[in-house]
PDB file of all heavy atoms in Angstrom:
ATOM      1  N   ASN A   1      19.256  27.938  55.776  1.00  0.00           N
ATOM      2  CA  ASN A   1      19.252  28.523  54.435  1.00  0.00           C
ATOM      3  C   ASN A   1      18.295  29.705  54.298  1.00  0.00           C
ATOM      4  O   ASN A   1      18.132  30.256  53.207  1.00  0.00           O
ATOM      5  CB  ASN A   1      18.901  27.462  53.385  1.00  0.00           C
ATOM      6  CG  ASN A   1      17.576  26.752  53.648  1.00  0.00           C
ATOM      7  OD1 ASN A   1      17.194  26.555  54.800  1.00  0.00           O
ATOM      8  ND2 ASN A   1      16.886  26.338  52.588  1.00  0.00           N
ATOM      9  N   LEU A   2      17.673  30.128  55.402  1.00  0.00           N
ATOM     10  CA  LEU A   2      16.723  31.236  55.357  1.00  0.00           C
ATOM     11  C   LEU A   2      17.410  32.544  55.745  1.00  0.00           C
ATOM     12  O   LEU A   2      18.063  32.633  56.781  1.00  0.00           O
ATOM     13  CB  LEU A   2      15.559  30.963  56.310  1.00  0.00           C
ATOM     14  CG  LEU A   2      14.439  32.012  56.313  1.00  0.00           C
ATOM     15  CD1 LEU A   2      13.696  32.012  54.976  1.00  0.00           C
ATOM     16  CD2 LEU A   2      13.464  31.762  57.466  1.00  0.00           C
ATOM     17  N   VAL A   3      17.234  33.564  54.899  1.00  0.00           N
ATOM     18  CA  VAL A   3      17.747  34.909  55.173  1.00  0.00           C
ATOM     19  C   VAL A   3      16.549  35.835  55.360  1.00  0.00           C
ATOM     20  O   VAL A   3      15.682  35.924  54.483  1.00  0.00           O
ATOM     21  CB  VAL A   3      18.637  35.407  54.021  1.00  0.00           C
ATOM     22  CG1 VAL A   3      19.119  36.828  54.289  1.00  0.00           C
ATOM     23  CG2 VAL A   3      19.820  34.466  53.818  1.00  0.00           C
ATOM     24  N   TYR A   4      16.493  36.508  56.483  1.00  0.00           N
ATOM     25  CA  TYR A   4      15.349  37.337  56.855  1.00  0.00           C
ATOM     26  C   TYR A   4      15.566  38.744  56.293  1.00  0.00           C
ATOM     27  O   TYR A   4      16.474  39.454  56.713  1.00  0.00           O
ATOM     28  CB  TYR A   4      15.222  37.369  58.379  1.00  0.00           C
ATOM     29  CG  TYR A   4      13.887  37.779  58.924  1.00  0.00           C
ATOM     30  CD1 TYR A   4      12.988  36.823  59.401  1.00  0.00           C
ATOM     31  CD2 TYR A   4      13.518  39.116  59.013  1.00  0.00           C
ATOM     32  CE1 TYR A   4      11.769  37.193  59.937  1.00  0.00           C
ATOM     33  CE2 TYR A   4      12.309  39.501  59.549  1.00  0.00           C
ATOM     34  CZ  TYR A   4      11.427  38.535  60.006  1.00  0.00           C
ATOM     35  OH  TYR A   4      10.209  38.906  60.544  1.00  0.00           O
ATOM     36  N   GLU A   5      14.720  39.133  55.345  1.00  0.00           N
ATOM     37  CA  GLU A   5      14.874  40.419  54.662  1.00  0.00           C
ATOM     38  C   GLU A   5      13.945  41.451  55.302  1.00  0.00           C
ATOM     39  O   GLU A   5      12.760  41.176  55.529  1.00  0.00           O
ATOM     40  CB  GLU A   5      14.562  40.221  53.174  1.00  0.00           C
ATOM     41  CG  GLU A   5      14.895  41.414  52.304  1.00  0.00           C
ATOM     42  CD  GLU A   5      13.665  42.175  51.899  1.00  0.00           C
ATOM     43  OE1 GLU A   5      12.762  41.573  51.274  1.00  0.00           O
ATOM     44  OE2 GLU A   5      13.597  43.370  52.227  1.00  0.00           O
ATOM     45  N   LEU A   6      14.485  42.634  55.599  1.00  0.00           N
ATOM     46  CA  LEU A   6      13.813  43.590  56.467  1.00  0.00           C
ATOM     47  C   LEU A   6      13.142  44.751  55.742  1.00  0.00           C
ATOM     48  O   LEU A   6      12.781  45.739  56.383  1.00  0.00           O
ATOM     49  CB  LEU A   6      14.810  44.149  57.494  1.00  0.00           C
ATOM     50  CG  LEU A   6      15.280  43.144  58.555  1.00  0.00           C
ATOM     51  CD1 LEU A   6      16.543  43.642  59.243  1.00  0.00           C
ATOM     52  CD2 LEU A   6      14.179  42.898  59.586  1.00  0.00           C
ATOM     53  N   SER A   7      12.962  44.651  54.418  1.00  0.00           N
ATOM     54  CA  SER A   7      12.284  45.764  53.745  1.00  0.00           C
ATOM     55  C   SER A   7      10.864  45.918  54.286  1.00  0.00           C
ATOM     56  O   SER A   7      10.185  44.937  54.591  1.00  0.00           O
ATOM     57  CB  SER A   7      12.247  45.549  52.233  1.00  0.00           C
ATOM     58  OG  SER A   7      11.392  44.484  51.881  1.00  0.00           O
ATOM     59  N   ALA A   8      10.448  47.166  54.431  1.00  0.00           N
ATOM     60  CA  ALA A   8       9.140  47.572  54.959  1.00  0.00           C
ATOM     61  C   ALA A   8       9.013  47.374  56.459  1.00  0.00           C
ATOM     62  O   ALA A   8       8.080  47.897  57.066  1.00  0.00           O
ATOM     63  CB  ALA A   8       7.986  46.873  54.233  1.00  0.00           C
ATOM     64  N   ARG A   9       9.927  46.620  57.075  1.00  0.00           N
ATOM     65  CA  ARG A   9       9.889  46.451  58.524  1.00  0.00           C
ATOM     66  C   ARG A   9      10.496  47.644  59.255  1.00  0.00           C
ATOM     67  O   ARG A   9      10.281  47.829  60.451  1.00  0.00           O
ATOM     68  CB  ARG A   9      10.641  45.183  58.955  1.00  0.00           C
ATOM     69  CG  ARG A   9      10.247  43.882  58.279  1.00  0.00           C
ATOM     70  CD  ARG A   9       8.788  43.503  58.459  1.00  0.00           C
ATOM     71  NE  ARG A   9       8.306  43.424  59.807  1.00  0.00           N
ATOM     72  CZ  ARG A   9       8.310  42.338  60.583  1.00  0.00           C
ATOM     73  NH1 ARG A   9       8.814  41.210  60.126  1.00  0.00           N
ATOM     74  NH2 ARG A   9       7.804  42.354  61.793  1.00  0.00           N
ATOM     75  N   THR A  10      11.288  48.471  58.543  1.00  0.00           N
ATOM     76  CA  THR A  10      11.948  49.619  59.161  1.00  0.00           C
ATOM     77  C   THR A  10      11.201  50.930  58.917  1.00  0.00           C
ATOM     78  O   THR A  10      11.617  51.968  59.416  1.00  0.00           O
ATOM     79  CB  THR A  10      13.391  49.774  58.630  1.00  0.00           C
ATOM     80  OG1 THR A  10      13.359  50.004  57.214  1.00  0.00           O
ATOM     81  CG2 THR A  10      14.213  48.528  58.918  1.00  0.00           C
ATOM     82  N   TRP A  11      10.112  50.877  58.124  1.00  0.00           N
ATOM     83  CA  TRP A  11       9.347  52.101  57.895  1.00  0.00           C
ATOM     84  C   TRP A  11       8.742  52.602  59.207  1.00  0.00           C
ATOM     85  O   TRP A  11       8.378  51.795  60.082  1.00  0.00           O
ATOM     86  CB  TRP A  11       8.206  51.850  56.924  1.00  0.00           C
ATOM     87  CG  TRP A  11       8.596  51.363  55.569  1.00  0.00           C
ATOM     88  CD1 TRP A  11       9.851  51.240  55.056  1.00  0.00           C
ATOM     89  CD2 TRP A  11       7.695  50.914  54.548  1.00  0.00           C
ATOM     90  NE1 TRP A  11       9.794  50.754  53.775  1.00  0.00           N
ATOM     91  CE2 TRP A  11       8.491  50.536  53.438  1.00  0.00           C
ATOM     92  CE3 TRP A  11       6.304  50.800  54.466  1.00  0.00           C
ATOM     93  CZ2 TRP A  11       7.923  50.055  52.258  1.00  0.00           C
ATOM     94  CZ3 TRP A  11       5.749  50.319  53.290  1.00  0.00           C
ATOM     95  CH2 TRP A  11       6.551  49.963  52.199  1.00  0.00           C
ATOM     96  N   PRO A  12       8.602  53.934  59.381  1.00  0.00           N
ATOM     97  CA  PRO A  12       7.955  54.451  60.593  1.00  0.00           C
ATOM     98  C   PRO A  12       6.538  53.921  60.789  1.00  0.00           C
ATOM     99  O   PRO A  12       6.084  53.742  61.915  1.00  0.00           O
ATOM    100  CB  PRO A  12       7.956  55.967  60.377  1.00  0.00           C
ATOM    101  CG  PRO A  12       9.092  56.206  59.453  1.00  0.00           C
ATOM    102  CD  PRO A  12       9.129  55.021  58.536  1.00  0.00           C
ATOM    103  N   SER A  13       5.836  53.669  59.698  1.00  0.00           N
ATOM    104  CA  SER A  13       4.512  53.046  59.773  1.00  0.00           C
ATOM    105  C   SER A  13       4.295  52.263  58.498  1.00  0.00           C
ATOM    106  O   SER A  13       4.919  52.531  57.469  1.00  0.00           O
ATOM    107  CB  SER A  13       3.404  54.081  59.965  1.00  0.00           C
ATOM    108  OG  SER A  13       3.345  54.949  58.841  1.00  0.00           O
ATOM    109  N   HIS A  14       3.392  51.279  58.563  1.00  0.00           N
ATOM    110  CA  HIS A  14       3.088  50.462  57.390  1.00  0.00           C
ATOM    111  C   HIS A  14       1.600  50.607  57.087  1.00  0.00           C
ATOM    112  O   HIS A  14       0.770  50.540  57.998  1.00  0.00           O
ATOM    113  CB  HIS A  14       3.429  48.999  57.659  1.00  0.00           C
ATOM    114  CG  HIS A  14       3.477  48.158  56.425  1.00  0.00           C
ATOM    115  ND1 HIS A  14       2.336  47.787  55.736  1.00  0.00           N
ATOM    116  CD2 HIS A  14       4.516  47.626  55.733  1.00  0.00           C
ATOM    117  CE1 HIS A  14       2.675  47.060  54.693  1.00  0.00           C
ATOM    118  NE2 HIS A  14       3.988  46.949  54.654  1.00  0.00           N
ATOM    119  N   PRO A  15       1.242  50.805  55.810  1.00  0.00           N
ATOM    120  CA  PRO A  15      -0.170  51.057  55.484  1.00  0.00           C
ATOM    121  C   PRO A  15      -1.092  49.883  55.753  1.00  0.00           C
ATOM    122  O   PRO A  15      -2.304  50.074  55.920  1.00  0.00           O
ATOM    123  CB  PRO A  15      -0.133  51.384  53.983  1.00  0.00           C
ATOM    124  CG  PRO A  15       1.138  50.781  53.483  1.00  0.00           C
ATOM    125  CD  PRO A  15       2.109  50.877  54.620  1.00  0.00           C
ATOM    126  N   ARG A  16      -0.547  48.659  55.815  1.00  0.00           N
ATOM    127  CA  ARG A  16      -1.426  47.506  56.022  1.00  0.00           C
ATOM    128  C   ARG A  16      -1.652  47.201  57.499  1.00  0.00           C
ATOM    129  O   ARG A  16      -2.722  46.748  57.883  1.00  0.00           O
ATOM    130  CB  ARG A  16      -0.852  46.280  55.319  1.00  0.00           C
ATOM    131  CG  ARG A  16      -1.055  46.278  53.830  1.00  0.00           C
ATOM    132  CD  ARG A  16      -1.019  44.874  53.280  1.00  0.00           C
ATOM    133  NE  ARG A  16       0.318  44.318  53.255  1.00  0.00           N
ATOM    134  CZ  ARG A  16       0.606  43.031  53.154  1.00  0.00           C
ATOM    135  NH1 ARG A  16      -0.362  42.149  53.071  1.00  0.00           N
ATOM    136  NH2 ARG A  16       1.856  42.608  53.125  1.00  0.00           N
ATOM    137  N   SER A  17      -0.631  47.403  58.320  1.00  0.00           N
ATOM    138  CA  SER A  17      -0.772  47.074  59.743  1.00  0.00           C
ATOM    139  C   SER A  17       0.324  47.736  60.553  1.00  0.00           C
ATOM    140  O   SER A  17       1.497  47.684  60.164  1.00  0.00           O
ATOM    141  CB  SER A  17      -0.703  45.562  59.948  1.00  0.00           C
ATOM    142  OG  SER A  17      -0.659  45.242  61.331  1.00  0.00           O
ATOM    143  N   PRO A  18      -0.006  48.341  61.699  1.00  0.00           N
ATOM    144  CA  PRO A  18       1.034  48.925  62.552  1.00  0.00           C
ATOM    145  C   PRO A  18       1.960  47.869  63.142  1.00  0.00           C
ATOM    146  O   PRO A  18       3.062  48.193  63.597  1.00  0.00           O
ATOM    147  CB  PRO A  18       0.227  49.640  63.651  1.00  0.00           C
ATOM    148  CG  PRO A  18      -1.089  48.940  63.673  1.00  0.00           C
ATOM    149  CD  PRO A  18      -1.358  48.538  62.259  1.00  0.00           C
ATOM    150  N   ASP A  19       1.532  46.599  63.135  1.00  0.00           N
ATOM    151  CA  ASP A  19       2.358  45.529  63.684  1.00  0.00           C
ATOM    152  C   ASP A  19       3.486  45.115  62.744  1.00  0.00           C
ATOM    153  O   ASP A  19       4.359  44.339  63.134  1.00  0.00           O
ATOM    154  CB  ASP A  19       1.506  44.294  63.981  1.00  0.00           C
ATOM    155  CG  ASP A  19       0.425  44.567  65.005  1.00  0.00           C
ATOM    156  OD1 ASP A  19       0.691  45.366  65.928  1.00  0.00           O
ATOM    157  OD2 ASP A  19      -0.671  44.001  64.878  1.00  0.00           O
ATOM    158  N   TYR A  20       3.475  45.606  61.513  1.00  0.00           N
ATOM    159  CA  TYR A  20       4.455  45.140  60.537  1.00  0.00           C
ATOM    160  C   TYR A  20       5.838  45.750  60.732  1.00  0.00           C
ATOM    161  O   TYR A  20       6.823  45.205  60.250  1.00  0.00           O
ATOM    162  CB  TYR A  20       3.969  45.426  59.119  1.00  0.00           C
ATOM    163  CG  TYR A  20       2.916  44.471  58.621  1.00  0.00           C
ATOM    164  CD1 TYR A  20       2.333  44.639  57.372  1.00  0.00           C
ATOM    165  CD2 TYR A  20       2.490  43.395  59.385  1.00  0.00           C
ATOM    166  CE1 TYR A  20       1.370  43.777  56.894  1.00  0.00           C
ATOM    167  CE2 TYR A  20       1.517  42.519  58.920  1.00  0.00           C
ATOM    168  CZ  TYR A  20       0.961  42.718  57.678  1.00  0.00           C
ATOM    169  OH  TYR A  20       0.006  41.854  57.212  1.00  0.00           O
ATOM    170  N   THR A  21       5.941  46.905  61.365  1.00  0.00           N
ATOM    171  CA  THR A  21       7.256  47.477  61.580  1.00  0.00           C
ATOM    172  C   THR A  21       7.892  46.852  62.824  1.00  0.00           C
ATOM    173  O   THR A  21       7.204  46.293  63.692  1.00  0.00           O
ATOM    174  CB  THR A  21       7.201  49.003  61.760  1.00  0.00           C
ATOM    175  OG1 THR A  21       6.768  49.319  63.089  1.00  0.00           O
ATOM    176  CG2 THR A  21       6.285  49.643  60.747  1.00  0.00           C
ATOM    177  N   ILE A  22       9.209  46.946  62.908  1.00  0.00           N
ATOM    178  CA  ILE A  22       9.926  46.467  64.103  1.00  0.00           C
ATOM    179  C   ILE A  22      10.339  47.645  64.976  1.00  0.00           C
ATOM    180  O   ILE A  22      11.247  47.534  65.801  1.00  0.00           O
ATOM    181  CB  ILE A  22      11.144  45.607  63.722  1.00  0.00           C
ATOM    182  CG1 ILE A  22      12.144  46.394  62.883  1.00  0.00           C
ATOM    183  CG2 ILE A  22      10.688  44.343  62.994  1.00  0.00           C
ATOM    184  CD1 ILE A  22      13.465  45.661  62.649  1.00  0.00           C
ATOM    185  N   LEU A  23       9.633  48.762  64.816  1.00  0.00           N
ATOM    186  CA  LEU A  23       9.928  49.978  65.567  1.00  0.00           C
ATOM    187  C   LEU A  23       8.904  50.157  66.681  1.00  0.00           C
ATOM    188  O   LEU A  23       7.715  49.930  66.485  1.00  0.00           O
ATOM    189  CB  LEU A  23       9.912  51.192  64.650  1.00  0.00           C
ATOM    190  CG  LEU A  23      10.756  51.099  63.374  1.00  0.00           C
ATOM    191  CD1 LEU A  23      10.626  52.380  62.561  1.00  0.00           C
ATOM    192  CD2 LEU A  23      12.212  50.812  63.691  1.00  0.00           C
ATOM    193  N   ARG A  24       9.371  50.592  67.823  1.00  0.00           N
ATOM    194  CA  ARG A  24       8.445  50.758  68.950  1.00  0.00           C
ATOM    195  C   ARG A  24       7.764  52.119  68.956  1.00  0.00           C
ATOM    196  O   ARG A  24       6.735  52.310  69.618  1.00  0.00           O
ATOM    197  CB  ARG A  24       9.181  50.551  70.269  1.00  0.00           C
ATOM    198  CG  ARG A  24      10.304  51.534  70.549  1.00  0.00           C
ATOM    199  CD  ARG A  24      11.007  51.204  71.849  1.00  0.00           C
ATOM    200  NE  ARG A  24      12.125  52.092  72.114  1.00  0.00           N
ATOM    201  CZ  ARG A  24      12.914  51.990  73.174  1.00  0.00           C
ATOM    202  NH1 ARG A  24      12.707  51.034  74.065  1.00  0.00           N
ATOM    203  NH2 ARG A  24      13.905  52.839  73.342  1.00  0.00           N
ATOM    204  N   ASP A  25       8.353  53.097  68.255  1.00  0.00           N
ATOM    205  CA  ASP A  25       7.820  54.453  68.299  1.00  0.00           C
ATOM    206  C   ASP A  25       7.959  55.164  66.950  1.00  0.00           C
ATOM    207  O   ASP A  25       7.955  56.381  66.890  1.00  0.00           O
ATOM    208  CB  ASP A  25       8.544  55.272  69.377  1.00  0.00           C
ATOM    209  CG  ASP A  25      10.063  55.257  69.206  1.00  0.00           C
ATOM    210  OD1 ASP A  25      10.526  54.734  68.169  1.00  0.00           O
ATOM    211  OD2 ASP A  25      10.766  55.767  70.090  1.00  0.00           O
ATOM    212  N   GLY A  26       8.061  54.389  65.876  1.00  0.00           N
ATOM    213  CA  GLY A  26       8.273  54.977  64.567  1.00  0.00           C
ATOM    214  C   GLY A  26       9.704  55.372  64.295  1.00  0.00           C
ATOM    215  O   GLY A  26      10.016  55.884  63.214  1.00  0.00           O
ATOM    216  N   ARG A  27      10.602  55.065  65.248  1.00  0.00           N
ATOM    217  CA  ARG A  27      11.984  55.523  65.119  1.00  0.00           C
ATOM    218  C   ARG A  27      12.974  54.499  65.654  1.00  0.00           C
ATOM    219  O   ARG A  27      13.903  54.093  64.970  1.00  0.00           O
ATOM    220  CB  ARG A  27      12.146  56.859  65.853  1.00  0.00           C
ATOM    221  CG  ARG A  27      13.532  57.458  65.776  1.00  0.00           C
ATOM    222  CD  ARG A  27      13.540  58.831  66.419  1.00  0.00           C
ATOM    223  NE  ARG A  27      13.132  58.804  67.817  1.00  0.00           N
ATOM    224  CZ  ARG A  27      12.836  59.871  68.553  1.00  0.00           C
ATOM    225  NH1 ARG A  27      12.851  61.061  67.987  1.00  0.00           N
ATOM    226  NH2 ARG A  27      12.507  59.761  69.809  1.00  0.00           N
ATOM    227  N   ASN A  28      12.771  54.067  66.870  1.00  0.00           N
ATOM    228  CA  ASN A  28      13.705  53.161  67.532  1.00  0.00           C
ATOM    229  C   ASN A  28      13.260  51.710  67.407  1.00  0.00           C
ATOM    230  O   ASN A  28      12.085  51.380  67.618  1.00  0.00           O
ATOM    231  CB  ASN A  28      13.831  53.521  69.023  1.00  0.00           C
ATOM    232  CG  ASN A  28      14.444  54.896  69.213  1.00  0.00           C
ATOM    233  OD1 ASN A  28      15.576  55.141  68.811  1.00  0.00           O
ATOM    234  ND2 ASN A  28      13.682  55.802  69.812  1.00  0.00           N
ATOM    235  N   VAL A  29      14.217  50.838  67.084  1.00  0.00           N
ATOM    236  CA  VAL A  29      13.937  49.412  66.972  1.00  0.00           C
ATOM    237  C   VAL A  29      13.693  48.840  68.365  1.00  0.00           C
ATOM    238  O   VAL A  29      14.381  49.178  69.329  1.00  0.00           O
ATOM    239  CB  VAL A  29      15.126  48.684  66.312  1.00  0.00           C
ATOM    240  CG1 VAL A  29      14.834  47.191  66.167  1.00  0.00           C
ATOM    241  CG2 VAL A  29      15.434  49.294  64.939  1.00  0.00           C
ATOM    242  N   TRP A  30      12.704  47.953  68.466  1.00  0.00           N
ATOM    243  CA  TRP A  30      12.471  47.274  69.740  1.00  0.00           C
ATOM    244  C   TRP A  30      13.760  46.580  70.205  1.00  0.00           C
ATOM    245  O   TRP A  30      14.434  45.934  69.401  1.00  0.00           O
ATOM    246  CB  TRP A  30      11.369  46.224  69.593  1.00  0.00           C
ATOM    247  CG  TRP A  30       9.980  46.781  69.550  1.00  0.00           C
ATOM    248  CD1 TRP A  30       9.206  46.973  68.454  1.00  0.00           C
ATOM    249  CD2 TRP A  30       9.191  47.214  70.669  1.00  0.00           C
ATOM    250  NE1 TRP A  30       7.980  47.498  68.804  1.00  0.00           N
ATOM    251  CE2 TRP A  30       7.953  47.650  70.157  1.00  0.00           C
ATOM    252  CE3 TRP A  30       9.425  47.279  72.045  1.00  0.00           C
ATOM    253  CZ2 TRP A  30       6.940  48.161  70.983  1.00  0.00           C
ATOM    254  CZ3 TRP A  30       8.404  47.768  72.871  1.00  0.00           C
ATOM    255  CH2 TRP A  30       7.181  48.194  72.339  1.00  0.00           C
ATOM    256  N   PRO A  31      14.117  46.703  71.478  1.00  0.00           N
ATOM    257  CA  PRO A  31      15.350  46.067  71.963  1.00  0.00           C
ATOM    258  C   PRO A  31      15.395  44.572  71.691  1.00  0.00           C
ATOM    259  O   PRO A  31      16.467  44.016  71.418  1.00  0.00           O
ATOM    260  CB  PRO A  31      15.322  46.361  73.464  1.00  0.00           C
ATOM    261  CG  PRO A  31      14.493  47.580  73.615  1.00  0.00           C
ATOM    262  CD  PRO A  31      13.450  47.499  72.534  1.00  0.00           C
ATOM    263  N   GLU A  32      14.246  43.896  71.761  1.00  0.00           N
ATOM    264  CA  GLU A  32      14.219  42.456  71.533  1.00  0.00           C
ATOM    265  C   GLU A  32      14.573  42.114  70.077  1.00  0.00           C
ATOM    266  O   GLU A  32      15.222  41.101  69.808  1.00  0.00           O
ATOM    267  CB  GLU A  32      12.840  41.902  71.887  1.00  0.00           C
ATOM    268  CG  GLU A  32      12.470  42.028  73.362  1.00  0.00           C
ATOM    269  CD  GLU A  32      11.886  43.381  73.736  1.00  0.00           C
ATOM    270  OE1 GLU A  32      11.835  44.283  72.854  1.00  0.00           O
ATOM    271  OE2 GLU A  32      11.483  43.551  74.903  1.00  0.00           O
ATOM    272  N   TRP A  33      14.149  42.959  69.137  1.00  0.00           N
ATOM    273  CA  TRP A  33      14.521  42.753  67.740  1.00  0.00           C
ATOM    274  C   TRP A  33      16.016  43.007  67.541  1.00  0.00           C
ATOM    275  O   TRP A  33      16.697  42.263  66.826  1.00  0.00           O
ATOM    276  CB  TRP A  33      13.697  43.647  66.825  1.00  0.00           C
ATOM    277  CG  TRP A  33      12.391  43.044  66.410  1.00  0.00           C
ATOM    278  CD1 TRP A  33      11.153  43.338  66.906  1.00  0.00           C
ATOM    279  CD2 TRP A  33      12.185  42.038  65.409  1.00  0.00           C
ATOM    280  NE1 TRP A  33      10.198  42.567  66.279  1.00  0.00           N
ATOM    281  CE2 TRP A  33      10.797  41.777  65.359  1.00  0.00           C
ATOM    282  CE3 TRP A  33      13.036  41.343  64.551  1.00  0.00           C
ATOM    283  CZ2 TRP A  33      10.246  40.838  64.473  1.00  0.00           C
ATOM    284  CZ3 TRP A  33      12.495  40.403  63.669  1.00  0.00           C
ATOM    285  CH2 TRP A  33      11.112  40.165  63.643  1.00  0.00           C
ATOM    286  N   LEU A  34      16.519  44.055  68.159  1.00  0.00           N
ATOM    287  CA  LEU A  34      17.958  44.317  68.062  1.00  0.00           C
ATOM    288  C   LEU A  34      18.760  43.152  68.632  1.00  0.00           C
ATOM    289  O   LEU A  34      19.785  42.755  68.061  1.00  0.00           O
ATOM    290  CB  LEU A  34      18.307  45.602  68.812  1.00  0.00           C
ATOM    291  CG  LEU A  34      17.982  46.918  68.112  1.00  0.00           C
ATOM    292  CD1 LEU A  34      18.304  48.092  69.035  1.00  0.00           C
ATOM    293  CD2 LEU A  34      18.752  47.058  66.810  1.00  0.00           C
ATOM    294  N   GLU A  35      18.294  42.588  69.720  1.00  0.00           N
ATOM    295  CA  GLU A  35      18.990  41.458  70.324  1.00  0.00           C
ATOM    296  C   GLU A  35      19.028  40.265  69.372  1.00  0.00           C
ATOM    297  O   GLU A  35      20.066  39.601  69.223  1.00  0.00           O
ATOM    298  CB  GLU A  35      18.291  41.063  71.629  1.00  0.00           C
ATOM    299  CG  GLU A  35      18.956  39.909  72.364  1.00  0.00           C
ATOM    300  CD  GLU A  35      18.221  39.534  73.635  1.00  0.00           C
ATOM    301  OE1 GLU A  35      17.176  40.156  73.938  1.00  0.00           O
ATOM    302  OE2 GLU A  35      18.675  38.608  74.341  1.00  0.00           O
ATOM    303  N   LEU A  36      17.898  39.984  68.698  1.00  0.00           N
ATOM    304  CA  LEU A  36      17.854  38.870  67.754  1.00  0.00           C
ATOM    305  C   LEU A  36      18.787  39.111  66.572  1.00  0.00           C
ATOM    306  O   LEU A  36      19.539  38.208  66.158  1.00  0.00           O
ATOM    307  CB  LEU A  36      16.425  38.671  67.253  1.00  0.00           C
ATOM    308  CG  LEU A  36      16.229  37.557  66.222  1.00  0.00           C
ATOM    309  CD1 LEU A  36      16.546  36.186  66.831  1.00  0.00           C
ATOM    310  CD2 LEU A  36      14.808  37.576  65.655  1.00  0.00           C
ATOM    311  N   ILE A  37      18.772  40.311  66.030  1.00  0.00           N
ATOM    312  CA  ILE A  37      19.614  40.622  64.871  1.00  0.00           C
ATOM    313  C   ILE A  37      21.087  40.579  65.253  1.00  0.00           C
ATOM    314  O   ILE A  37      21.915  40.028  64.516  1.00  0.00           O
ATOM    315  CB  ILE A  37      19.217  41.995  64.290  1.00  0.00           C
ATOM    316  CG1 ILE A  37      17.791  41.938  63.725  1.00  0.00           C
ATOM    317  CG2 ILE A  37      20.199  42.428  63.198  1.00  0.00           C
ATOM    318  CD1 ILE A  37      17.177  43.298  63.445  1.00  0.00           C
TER     319      ILE A  37
END
């Protein structure tokens, strides 16, 4: 019943932590995240 919502995870950078995005270079999604999705 859990739906994973991706707002703020796709931003090139996040003001609170660089670990919050799922991007490896501010542009491309990490392959492991793409595989999960």
